[in-house]
Protein backbone atom coordinates (compact mmCIF):
# COMPACT_ATOMS: atom_id res chain seq x y z
CA MET A 1 88.77 24.42 80.66
CA ALA A 2 87.98 24.53 77.28
CA TYR A 3 87.83 21.00 75.29
CA LEU A 4 88.08 20.00 71.61
CA PHE A 5 86.09 17.87 69.87
CA THR A 6 86.03 16.24 66.38
CA SER A 7 83.77 14.91 63.64
CA GLU A 8 84.83 13.48 60.01
CA SER A 9 82.27 12.86 56.99
CA VAL A 10 83.45 11.24 53.57
CA SER A 11 82.14 12.16 50.11
CA GLU A 12 79.68 9.98 47.82
CA GLY A 13 82.74 9.40 46.05
CA HIS A 14 84.47 7.52 48.95
CA PRO A 15 84.78 3.82 48.30
CA ASP A 16 82.56 2.80 51.32
CA LYS A 17 79.97 5.31 50.53
CA VAL A 18 79.82 4.07 46.86
CA ALA A 19 78.92 0.61 48.16
CA ASP A 20 76.60 1.63 50.60
CA GLN A 21 74.66 3.93 47.47
CA ILE A 22 74.77 0.53 45.46
CA SER A 23 73.07 -1.54 48.27
CA ASP A 24 70.42 0.98 49.10
CA ALA A 25 69.53 1.52 45.34
CA LEU A 26 69.02 -1.96 45.32
CA ILE A 27 66.63 -1.51 48.39
CA ASP A 28 64.50 1.09 46.63
CA ASN A 29 64.20 -0.65 43.55
CA PHE A 30 63.13 -3.86 45.51
CA LEU A 31 60.62 -1.91 47.52
CA ALA A 32 59.23 0.11 44.41
CA PHE A 33 57.60 -3.10 43.10
CA ASP A 34 57.07 -4.99 46.19
CA VAL A 35 56.54 -3.07 49.55
CA ASN A 36 57.13 -6.58 51.43
CA SER A 37 60.49 -7.21 50.07
CA LYS A 38 63.14 -8.38 52.78
CA VAL A 39 66.43 -7.62 51.70
CA ALA A 40 69.97 -7.72 53.32
CA CYS A 41 72.36 -6.58 50.34
CA GLU A 42 76.29 -6.07 50.86
CA THR A 43 78.30 -4.54 48.17
CA LEU A 44 82.06 -4.32 47.90
CA VAL A 45 83.83 -2.31 45.12
CA THR A 46 87.44 -2.19 44.22
CA THR A 47 89.58 -1.45 40.62
CA GLY A 48 87.30 -2.23 38.06
CA GLN A 49 85.10 -4.43 39.87
CA VAL A 50 81.83 -4.45 42.13
CA VAL A 51 80.66 -7.66 43.90
CA LEU A 52 76.92 -7.69 45.08
CA ALA A 53 76.09 -10.43 48.01
CA GLY A 54 73.23 -11.02 50.45
CA GLU A 55 69.93 -12.41 51.02
CA VAL A 56 66.48 -11.41 49.41
CA LYS A 57 62.86 -12.26 49.66
CA SER A 58 60.53 -10.53 47.03
CA ASN A 59 58.05 -11.11 44.05
CA THR A 60 59.84 -8.82 41.91
CA TYR A 61 62.81 -9.45 39.63
CA LEU A 62 65.66 -6.66 39.23
CA ASP A 63 68.54 -5.99 36.64
CA VAL A 64 70.95 -5.40 39.68
CA GLN A 65 73.92 -4.72 37.14
CA LYS A 66 72.20 -2.24 35.66
CA ILE A 67 71.14 -0.41 38.94
CA ALA A 68 75.00 -0.50 39.96
CA ARG A 69 76.30 0.91 36.98
CA ASP A 70 73.52 3.78 36.92
CA THR A 71 74.43 4.44 40.92
CA ILE A 72 78.09 4.45 39.94
CA ASN A 73 77.43 7.13 37.10
CA LYS A 74 75.49 9.03 39.05
CA ILE A 75 78.11 9.54 41.66
CA GLY A 76 80.62 10.53 39.19
CA TYR A 77 82.85 7.64 38.29
CA THR A 78 82.45 7.93 34.14
CA LYS A 79 86.00 7.93 33.19
CA SER A 80 88.24 4.91 32.56
CA GLU A 81 90.99 7.02 33.84
CA TYR A 82 89.46 6.77 37.21
CA MET A 83 90.20 2.84 36.79
CA PHE A 84 86.56 2.44 38.20
CA ASP A 85 83.86 3.54 36.11
CA GLY A 86 80.23 2.66 35.96
CA ASN A 87 79.93 1.66 32.24
CA SER A 88 83.02 -0.59 32.10
CA CYS A 89 83.36 -2.08 35.44
CA GLY A 90 82.52 -5.84 36.26
CA VAL A 91 79.41 -6.57 38.22
CA PHE A 92 79.18 -9.99 39.93
CA SER A 93 75.89 -10.95 41.82
CA ALA A 94 76.00 -13.55 44.65
CA ILE A 95 72.42 -12.65 45.85
CA HIS A 96 70.47 -15.52 47.00
CA GLU A 97 67.01 -16.26 48.88
CA GLN A 98 66.76 -15.18 52.32
CA SER A 99 66.90 -17.56 55.29
CA ASP A 100 63.56 -19.12 56.21
CA ASP A 101 65.04 -19.49 59.73
CA ILE A 102 65.36 -15.85 60.01
CA ASN A 103 62.05 -14.90 58.09
CA ARG A 104 59.90 -17.18 60.38
CA GLY A 105 60.69 -14.81 62.99
CA VAL A 106 59.67 -11.83 61.24
CA ASP A 107 56.60 -12.73 59.22
CA ARG A 108 53.52 -13.56 61.73
CA ALA A 109 49.87 -13.93 60.81
CA THR A 110 49.18 -10.51 61.52
CA LYS A 111 51.76 -7.40 60.88
CA GLU A 112 51.17 -6.09 64.19
CA GLN A 113 52.82 -8.92 65.74
CA GLN A 114 56.04 -8.84 63.39
CA GLY A 115 58.78 -9.57 65.04
CA ALA A 116 62.31 -7.83 65.51
CA GLY A 117 64.56 -8.96 62.12
CA ASP A 118 67.49 -9.03 64.55
CA GLN A 119 68.74 -8.89 68.32
CA GLY A 120 70.63 -5.61 69.22
CA MET A 121 70.55 -2.31 70.59
CA MET A 122 70.24 0.90 68.54
CA PHE A 123 70.72 4.79 69.52
CA GLY A 124 69.20 8.07 68.57
CA TYR A 125 70.73 11.26 69.78
CA ALA A 126 69.78 15.09 69.56
CA THR A 127 71.33 18.40 70.66
CA ASN A 128 70.01 21.71 70.48
CA GLU A 129 73.46 23.05 69.57
CA THR A 130 72.52 23.49 65.56
CA GLU A 131 68.93 24.15 63.88
CA ASN A 132 68.74 20.52 62.80
CA TYR A 133 69.61 19.41 66.48
CA MET A 134 73.00 17.49 65.32
CA PRO A 135 76.17 17.69 66.86
CA LEU A 136 77.91 20.80 65.10
CA ALA A 137 81.22 19.44 63.94
CA LEU A 138 79.58 16.56 62.18
CA ASP A 139 77.04 18.73 60.52
CA LEU A 140 79.89 21.45 59.26
CA SER A 141 81.79 18.45 57.94
CA HIS A 142 79.15 16.99 55.82
CA ARG A 143 78.16 20.54 54.55
CA ILE A 144 81.78 20.96 53.36
CA LEU A 145 81.47 17.95 51.36
CA ILE A 146 78.23 18.62 50.24
CA GLU A 147 79.29 22.02 48.83
CA LEU A 148 82.63 20.54 47.26
CA ALA A 149 80.25 17.95 45.28
CA ALA A 150 78.31 20.89 43.90
CA LEU A 151 81.53 22.76 43.00
CA ARG A 152 82.57 19.48 41.18
CA ARG A 153 79.15 19.08 39.22
CA GLU A 154 79.36 22.72 38.49
CA ASN A 155 82.81 22.44 37.10
CA LYS A 156 83.40 26.30 36.68
CA GLU A 157 84.96 27.83 39.84
CA ILE A 158 87.24 24.37 40.38
CA THR A 159 87.62 22.12 37.45
CA TYR A 160 90.06 19.51 38.46
CA LEU A 161 87.89 17.68 41.40
CA ARG A 162 87.18 14.06 41.46
CA PRO A 163 84.64 12.22 43.45
CA ASP A 164 86.50 11.17 46.38
CA SER A 165 87.16 13.21 49.30
CA LYS A 166 86.86 13.49 53.21
CA SER A 167 86.42 16.25 55.77
CA GLN A 168 86.83 16.55 59.22
CA VAL A 169 86.01 19.70 61.61
CA THR A 170 87.56 20.38 65.29
CA ILE A 171 85.22 22.43 67.25
CA GLU A 172 86.51 24.43 70.68
CA TYR A 173 83.67 23.94 73.32
CA SER A 174 83.68 25.98 76.58
CA ASP A 175 83.38 24.48 80.11
CA ASP A 176 79.27 24.73 79.42
CA ASN A 177 79.19 22.79 76.45
CA ILE A 178 78.85 25.92 74.14
CA PRO A 179 80.70 26.13 70.51
CA GLN A 180 83.12 28.95 70.60
CA ARG A 181 85.35 28.34 67.46
CA ILE A 182 86.35 26.22 64.89
CA ASP A 183 89.83 25.07 65.94
CA ALA A 184 91.10 23.28 62.66
CA ILE A 185 89.61 22.10 59.11
CA VAL A 186 90.93 18.83 57.33
CA LEU A 187 90.05 18.40 53.84
CA SER A 188 91.57 15.63 51.35
CA THR A 189 90.08 15.86 48.07
CA GLN A 190 90.94 13.61 44.77
CA HIS A 191 91.87 15.76 42.18
CA ASP A 192 93.21 15.51 38.47
CA ASP A 193 96.84 15.29 38.00
CA PHE A 194 98.94 18.24 37.88
CA ALA A 195 102.14 18.79 36.25
CA ASP A 196 103.82 20.30 39.00
CA ASP A 197 103.09 19.05 42.56
CA ASP A 198 104.17 22.14 44.36
CA THR A 199 101.74 24.38 41.98
CA MET A 200 98.98 21.93 42.61
CA LEU A 201 98.94 21.92 46.26
CA ALA A 202 99.10 25.73 46.11
CA LYS A 203 96.48 25.96 43.98
CA ILE A 204 94.16 23.29 45.84
CA ARG A 205 94.46 25.16 49.03
CA LYS A 206 93.83 28.74 47.66
CA ASP A 207 90.50 27.39 46.11
CA ILE A 208 89.58 25.21 49.29
CA VAL A 209 90.05 27.93 51.53
CA GLY A 210 89.13 30.91 48.91
CA ILE A 211 86.02 29.40 47.45
CA LEU A 212 84.53 26.49 49.23
CA ILE A 213 84.78 27.66 52.61
CA PRO A 214 83.29 30.95 51.81
CA ARG A 215 80.30 28.90 50.28
CA VAL A 216 80.05 26.87 53.25
CA LYS A 217 79.76 29.68 55.53
CA ALA A 218 77.17 31.64 53.64
CA LYS A 219 74.80 29.12 53.93
CA LEU A 220 74.75 29.16 57.90
CA PRO A 221 73.14 30.96 60.30
CA GLN A 222 74.81 34.27 61.89
CA ASN A 223 75.87 32.65 65.25
CA LEU A 224 77.60 29.41 63.37
CA GLN A 225 79.27 31.90 60.99
CA ALA A 226 80.63 33.93 63.96
CA LEU A 227 82.53 30.30 64.77
CA PHE A 228 84.90 31.06 61.53
CA ASN A 229 87.99 32.99 62.36
CA ASP A 230 91.42 33.90 60.85
CA ASN A 231 93.30 31.38 63.22
CA ILE A 232 91.63 28.06 61.88
CA THR A 233 94.16 25.31 61.34
CA TYR A 234 93.92 23.97 57.66
CA HIS A 235 95.10 20.72 56.87
CA ILE A 236 94.65 20.59 52.79
CA ASN A 237 95.62 17.05 51.37
CA PRO A 238 97.98 16.78 53.55
CA THR A 239 99.67 13.61 52.23
CA GLY A 240 100.73 15.87 49.00
CA LYS A 241 98.76 14.43 46.02
CA PHE A 242 95.53 12.42 45.97
CA VAL A 243 94.96 11.55 42.20
CA ILE A 244 94.59 7.49 42.77
CA GLY A 245 91.08 7.47 44.66
CA GLY A 246 87.49 5.83 44.85
CA PRO A 247 87.52 2.10 44.66
CA HIS A 248 91.10 2.28 42.89
CA GLY A 249 92.31 3.77 45.69
CA ASP A 250 90.83 1.83 48.65
CA THR A 251 88.44 -1.26 48.46
CA GLY A 252 84.82 -0.09 49.58
CA LEU A 253 82.20 -2.23 51.52
CA THR A 254 78.97 -1.58 52.55
CA GLY A 255 78.52 -0.40 56.21
CA ARG A 256 81.84 0.64 57.21
CA LYS A 257 80.83 4.54 57.75
CA ILE A 258 78.48 4.17 60.49
CA ILE A 259 79.63 6.91 62.70
CA VAL A 260 79.41 9.04 59.59
CA ASP A 261 75.96 7.95 59.07
CA THR A 262 75.14 9.03 62.50
CA TYR A 263 76.29 11.62 65.22
CA GLY A 264 79.84 11.84 64.41
CA GLY A 265 81.10 9.90 67.66
CA LYS A 266 78.51 12.09 70.02
CA GLY A 267 76.24 9.94 72.03
CA ALA A 268 76.61 6.29 71.10
CA HIS A 269 75.94 3.93 68.45
CA GLY A 270 74.94 0.09 68.65
CA GLY A 271 77.12 -1.40 65.74
CA GLY A 272 74.65 -2.04 63.40
CA ALA A 273 74.93 -0.74 59.70
CA PHE A 274 71.80 0.89 57.98
CA SER A 275 72.37 0.50 54.16
CA GLY A 276 71.10 -2.41 52.46
CA LYS A 277 68.76 -3.22 54.95
CA ASP A 278 64.94 -3.42 54.61
CA PRO A 279 63.27 -1.86 57.73
CA SER A 280 62.22 -5.15 59.16
CA LYS A 281 66.02 -4.93 60.14
CA VAL A 282 65.85 -2.88 63.43
CA ASP A 283 69.31 -1.95 62.90
CA ARG A 284 67.86 0.40 60.68
CA SER A 285 64.27 1.02 61.57
CA ALA A 286 64.92 1.57 65.27
CA ALA A 287 67.78 3.85 64.86
CA TYR A 288 65.59 6.00 62.74
CA ALA A 289 63.10 5.67 65.39
CA THR A 290 65.18 6.61 68.40
CA ARG A 291 66.55 9.50 66.29
CA HIS A 292 63.11 10.78 65.94
CA ILE A 293 62.12 10.61 69.60
CA ALA A 294 65.49 12.15 70.71
CA LYS A 295 64.85 15.03 68.23
CA ASN A 296 61.25 15.64 69.31
CA LEU A 297 62.12 15.50 72.94
CA VAL A 298 64.89 18.08 72.72
CA ALA A 299 62.62 20.33 70.35
CA ALA A 300 59.95 19.70 73.13
CA GLY A 301 62.09 21.16 75.76
CA VAL A 302 62.67 18.08 77.90
CA ALA A 303 66.44 18.52 77.67
CA ASP A 304 69.23 20.24 75.68
CA GLU A 305 70.72 16.83 74.63
CA VAL A 306 69.27 13.58 74.42
CA LEU A 307 70.60 10.19 74.02
CA VAL A 308 67.76 7.01 73.48
CA GLN A 309 68.50 3.32 73.49
CA VAL A 310 66.38 0.66 72.56
CA SER A 311 67.03 -3.04 72.39
CA TYR A 312 65.60 -6.05 70.66
CA ALA A 313 65.49 -9.87 70.35
CA ILE A 314 65.10 -11.48 67.19
CA GLY A 315 61.75 -12.49 66.32
CA VAL A 316 60.23 -10.96 69.62
CA VAL A 317 57.61 -7.94 68.94
CA GLU A 318 58.18 -5.76 72.02
CA PRO A 319 61.51 -4.06 72.53
CA MET A 320 63.69 -5.14 75.63
CA GLY A 321 63.59 -1.32 76.96
CA ILE A 322 63.91 2.15 76.54
CA PHE A 323 66.93 4.10 78.13
CA ILE A 324 67.37 7.71 78.06
CA ASN A 325 69.97 9.95 78.92
CA THR A 326 69.92 13.52 79.29
CA TYR A 327 73.36 14.33 80.35
CA GLY A 328 72.07 16.20 83.02
CA THR A 329 70.48 18.89 80.84
CA CYS A 330 66.92 18.12 81.75
CA PRO A 331 65.27 21.65 82.95
CA PHE A 332 62.63 19.84 85.45
CA ASN A 333 62.86 17.59 88.62
CA MET A 334 62.47 14.32 86.63
CA THR A 335 65.23 11.56 86.39
CA ASP A 336 66.13 10.08 83.05
CA GLY A 337 64.15 6.45 84.15
CA GLU A 338 60.92 8.59 84.67
CA ILE A 339 61.58 10.18 81.32
CA ALA A 340 61.86 7.03 79.62
CA GLU A 341 58.76 5.33 81.10
CA ILE A 342 56.67 8.08 79.70
CA VAL A 343 58.77 7.99 76.24
CA SER A 344 57.81 4.51 75.96
CA LYS A 345 53.91 5.22 76.60
CA ILE A 346 54.11 8.06 73.64
CA PHE A 347 55.97 5.94 71.19
CA ASP A 348 55.17 2.51 69.82
CA MET A 349 58.29 0.64 69.23
CA ARG A 350 57.01 -2.54 67.81
CA PRO A 351 58.82 -3.09 64.39
CA PHE A 352 55.91 -2.50 62.43
CA ALA A 353 54.46 0.14 64.18
CA ILE A 354 57.65 1.87 63.61
CA GLU A 355 57.72 1.09 60.14
CA GLU A 356 54.07 2.69 59.88
CA ARG A 357 54.98 5.42 61.63
CA LEU A 358 57.86 6.77 59.65
CA LYS A 359 56.71 5.16 56.09
CA LEU A 360 59.67 2.82 55.70
CA ARG A 361 58.15 0.59 53.54
CA SER A 362 59.12 3.40 50.67
CA PRO A 363 61.88 3.55 48.07
CA ILE A 364 63.44 6.34 50.47
CA TYR A 365 66.83 4.73 51.08
CA SER A 366 69.15 5.84 48.39
CA GLU A 367 69.07 9.71 49.52
CA THR A 368 70.46 8.40 52.91
CA ALA A 369 73.51 6.61 51.73
CA ALA A 370 75.69 9.70 51.82
CA TYR A 371 76.36 12.65 53.96
CA GLY A 372 74.26 11.37 56.79
CA HIS A 373 70.88 9.65 57.74
CA MET A 374 70.38 12.00 60.40
CA GLY A 375 69.75 15.73 60.33
CA ARG A 376 68.51 15.97 56.84
CA LYS A 377 65.64 17.67 55.10
CA ASN A 378 62.17 16.23 55.26
CA GLU A 379 60.46 16.42 51.99
CA THR A 380 58.08 14.79 49.71
CA VAL A 381 59.74 13.71 46.16
CA THR A 382 59.00 12.04 42.78
CA LYS A 383 60.60 9.05 41.89
CA THR A 384 60.36 6.61 38.96
CA PHE A 385 61.71 3.28 38.76
CA LYS A 386 61.84 0.53 35.74
CA GLN A 387 62.46 -3.16 35.24
CA PRO A 388 63.99 -5.18 32.97
CA THR A 389 60.70 -5.90 31.06
CA GLY A 390 60.15 -2.15 30.55
CA GLU A 391 57.70 -1.61 33.18
CA SER A 392 58.02 1.48 35.18
CA ILE A 393 56.39 3.07 38.26
CA THR A 394 56.09 6.45 39.41
CA LEU A 395 56.03 7.11 43.31
CA GLU A 396 55.41 9.97 45.45
CA VAL A 397 57.70 9.32 48.62
CA GLU A 398 58.48 11.31 51.69
CA LEU A 399 62.22 11.22 52.72
CA PHE A 400 63.87 11.39 56.09
CA THR A 401 60.44 11.26 57.93
CA TRP A 402 62.33 10.42 61.35
CA GLU A 403 63.24 14.16 60.93
CA LYS A 404 59.77 15.49 61.62
CA LEU A 405 59.10 17.53 64.66
CA ASP A 406 55.27 16.05 64.79
CA TYR A 407 55.41 14.59 68.06
CA VAL A 408 56.68 17.67 69.78
CA ASP A 409 52.89 18.62 70.90
CA LYS A 410 52.62 15.02 72.18
CA VAL A 411 55.60 15.27 74.34
CA LYS A 412 54.91 18.58 75.67
CA GLU A 413 51.40 17.22 76.79
CA ALA A 414 52.87 14.13 78.49
CA PHE A 415 55.72 16.40 80.22
CA GLY A 416 53.30 18.98 81.19
CA LEU A 417 55.55 21.57 79.48
């Protein structure tokens, strides 16, 4: 019997994502001027206020208030009527020195012996149902909001949009787990006030269905375009009005959108957030590494769908173990345990090895903080950072290295494919 599966996404203007982006902007600035920085930074945003808290060990000094304000303005909170804007909000910093008790488990005589920054388990997932090896419902949810943000910034076809929004897509699957059609799309977007509520609702629905969705559909491959149909159930701003939004509507906190950040409820999640953490925290680095493994395994033909788990003890170099689940989709006669044993020989999962392999001690994290950490485009960009002293540094950095398919040949050779 066919079944339904749903995933959601939130925009860069969602209060939790505002917090994530501020935290990751701080990470990037610390790493730009001191690659050995150790940072765990949390952000809270609410009406007219930003609170920064966390632990840092670094040889650089930053104007954290300016970084927060610049991030907020870039997102689009630039008007006082939003009750939260980058130029006038208060920014309170309670950032302090990292605990020596934590640091002693990470810093060692040689970098190769670097211990894990925390205990825990991390998961990576990949499926061949999309070109970027991501679950379809989540991929479409992200795409809808990325296109909505583009329309907001263009301010031509739709001129009333504000930064906060959420999307949700429900896919109907066949018994053999093949996407059949889009069953429902939910979209709530913050907007300017209208004189008449009925006119507002009709206008927003018409623009979303008639302008946004066709733009999203046009950028998809033909097989995914075919999933759009005339029977999709649309819920557009189902509460009826969404003028009050962003941090004024809801308090935002770093790390509260970990399912949006990963796989939309597919696979599994170890519970650790990513944003605001430097790569010595395996919550972040090992989650990227397991995604890298899962994606290369699927691309190499080891399975149609793969879940990878790795676990660590704080201060310990080697992981506790690697677990693989292929959901019965492996096309050859090999158990998941046998696959895991081979994987552990291909991929070095020591924390420092992960940092080196994926180039994680670079200022690459601001781009991850909205629209998902996985399934994104691997590309090299140039970024410039400035210190309060006026010193600036321009760096060429490679984004989303964990999305590269650079281990496919090694995987095929190891598995005899």
